[in-house]
Amino acid sequence: MYLIIRLEKQSEYKEVENVTREVFWNKYKPGCDEHLVVLEI
């Protein structure tokens, strides 16, 4: 499997935030903050 890592486009910000939230929700603690970190980079 090959992955291409690239910066997201501005039009993809909301989708990236939602996917990140879904992946990490209640994974390590109740809720999550990871989606905020992804958007700060």
N, C-alpha and C. Protein backbone atom coordinates (compact mmCIF):
# COMPACT_ATOMS: atom_id res chain seq x y z
N MET A 1 0.84 -1.17 0.00
CA MET A 1 0.00 0.00 0.00
C MET A 1 0.89 1.24 0.00
N TYR A 2 0.58 2.18 -0.88
CA TYR A 2 1.33 3.42 -0.97
C TYR A 2 0.50 4.58 -0.47
N LEU A 3 1.11 5.45 0.28
CA LEU A 3 0.43 6.64 0.77
C LEU A 3 1.14 7.87 0.24
N ILE A 4 0.39 8.86 -0.12
CA ILE A 4 0.96 10.14 -0.52
C ILE A 4 0.63 11.14 0.59
N ILE A 5 1.66 11.70 1.19
CA ILE A 5 1.47 12.69 2.24
C ILE A 5 1.66 14.06 1.62
N ARG A 6 0.67 14.92 1.81
CA ARG A 6 0.75 16.27 1.25
C ARG A 6 -0.02 17.21 2.17
N LEU A 7 0.20 18.48 1.99
CA LEU A 7 -0.58 19.45 2.72
C LEU A 7 -2.00 19.45 2.19
N GLU A 8 -2.94 19.62 3.08
CA GLU A 8 -4.32 19.66 2.63
C GLU A 8 -4.64 21.01 2.02
N LYS A 9 -5.59 20.99 1.14
CA LYS A 9 -6.06 22.22 0.52
C LYS A 9 -7.03 22.90 1.47
N GLN A 10 -7.20 24.19 1.32
CA GLN A 10 -8.11 24.92 2.20
C GLN A 10 -9.52 24.34 2.13
N SER A 11 -9.91 23.89 0.98
CA SER A 11 -11.25 23.32 0.82
C SER A 11 -11.41 21.98 1.55
N GLU A 12 -10.31 21.38 1.99
CA GLU A 12 -10.35 20.08 2.67
C GLU A 12 -10.22 20.19 4.19
N TYR A 13 -10.05 21.39 4.72
CA TYR A 13 -9.81 21.58 6.15
C TYR A 13 -10.87 20.91 7.01
N LYS A 14 -12.13 21.14 6.71
CA LYS A 14 -13.22 20.60 7.53
C LYS A 14 -13.24 19.07 7.48
N GLU A 15 -13.01 18.52 6.29
CA GLU A 15 -13.00 17.06 6.15
C GLU A 15 -11.84 16.44 6.93
N VAL A 16 -10.66 17.05 6.86
CA VAL A 16 -9.49 16.55 7.60
C VAL A 16 -9.76 16.63 9.10
N GLU A 17 -10.36 17.71 9.55
CA GLU A 17 -10.70 17.84 10.97
C GLU A 17 -11.68 16.75 11.40
N ASN A 18 -12.69 16.50 10.61
CA ASN A 18 -13.69 15.49 10.95
C ASN A 18 -13.11 14.08 10.96
N VAL A 19 -12.29 13.75 9.98
CA VAL A 19 -11.67 12.41 9.93
C VAL A 19 -10.75 12.22 11.13
N THR A 20 -9.95 13.23 11.45
CA THR A 20 -9.04 13.13 12.59
C THR A 20 -9.81 12.96 13.89
N ARG A 21 -10.89 13.69 14.04
CA ARG A 21 -11.72 13.58 15.25
C ARG A 21 -12.31 12.18 15.35
N GLU A 22 -12.81 11.65 14.26
CA GLU A 22 -13.40 10.30 14.27
C GLU A 22 -12.37 9.24 14.66
N VAL A 23 -11.15 9.38 14.16
CA VAL A 23 -10.11 8.39 14.43
C VAL A 23 -9.69 8.40 15.89
N PHE A 24 -9.58 9.58 16.51
CA PHE A 24 -9.04 9.68 17.86
C PHE A 24 -10.10 9.85 18.95
N TRP A 25 -11.38 9.92 18.60
CA TRP A 25 -12.41 10.16 19.60
C TRP A 25 -12.42 9.05 20.64
N ASN A 26 -12.24 9.41 21.90
CA ASN A 26 -12.22 8.49 23.06
C ASN A 26 -11.13 7.43 22.94
N LYS A 27 -10.09 7.66 22.16
CA LYS A 27 -9.02 6.67 21.99
C LYS A 27 -8.12 6.65 23.23
N TYR A 28 -7.62 7.79 23.66
CA TYR A 28 -6.68 7.85 24.77
C TYR A 28 -7.27 8.53 26.00
N LYS A 29 -8.38 9.25 25.81
CA LYS A 29 -9.06 9.93 26.91
C LYS A 29 -10.46 10.28 26.41
N PRO A 30 -11.35 10.69 27.27
CA PRO A 30 -12.68 11.09 26.78
C PRO A 30 -12.58 12.28 25.82
N GLY A 31 -13.24 12.18 24.70
CA GLY A 31 -13.16 13.24 23.69
C GLY A 31 -11.83 13.18 22.96
N CYS A 32 -11.41 14.29 22.38
CA CYS A 32 -10.09 14.36 21.75
C CYS A 32 -9.72 15.81 21.46
N ASP A 33 -8.40 16.04 21.36
CA ASP A 33 -7.86 17.34 20.99
C ASP A 33 -6.99 17.24 19.74
N GLU A 34 -6.78 16.03 19.26
CA GLU A 34 -5.85 15.81 18.13
C GLU A 34 -6.25 16.57 16.88
N HIS A 35 -7.54 16.71 16.64
CA HIS A 35 -7.98 17.43 15.43
C HIS A 35 -7.54 18.88 15.49
N LEU A 36 -7.38 19.44 16.67
CA LEU A 36 -6.90 20.81 16.81
C LEU A 36 -5.42 20.91 16.48
N VAL A 37 -4.65 19.91 16.83
CA VAL A 37 -3.21 19.89 16.55
C VAL A 37 -2.97 19.79 15.04
N VAL A 38 -3.72 18.95 14.38
CA VAL A 38 -3.56 18.76 12.94
C VAL A 38 -3.79 20.09 12.21
N LEU A 39 -4.75 20.85 12.64
CA LEU A 39 -5.08 22.10 11.96
C LEU A 39 -4.08 23.21 12.25
N GLU A 40 -3.30 23.07 13.32
CA GLU A 40 -2.33 24.10 13.69
C GLU A 40 -1.04 24.00 12.89
N ILE A 41 -0.77 22.87 12.32
CA ILE A 41 0.52 22.66 11.63
C ILE A 41 0.54 23.37 10.31
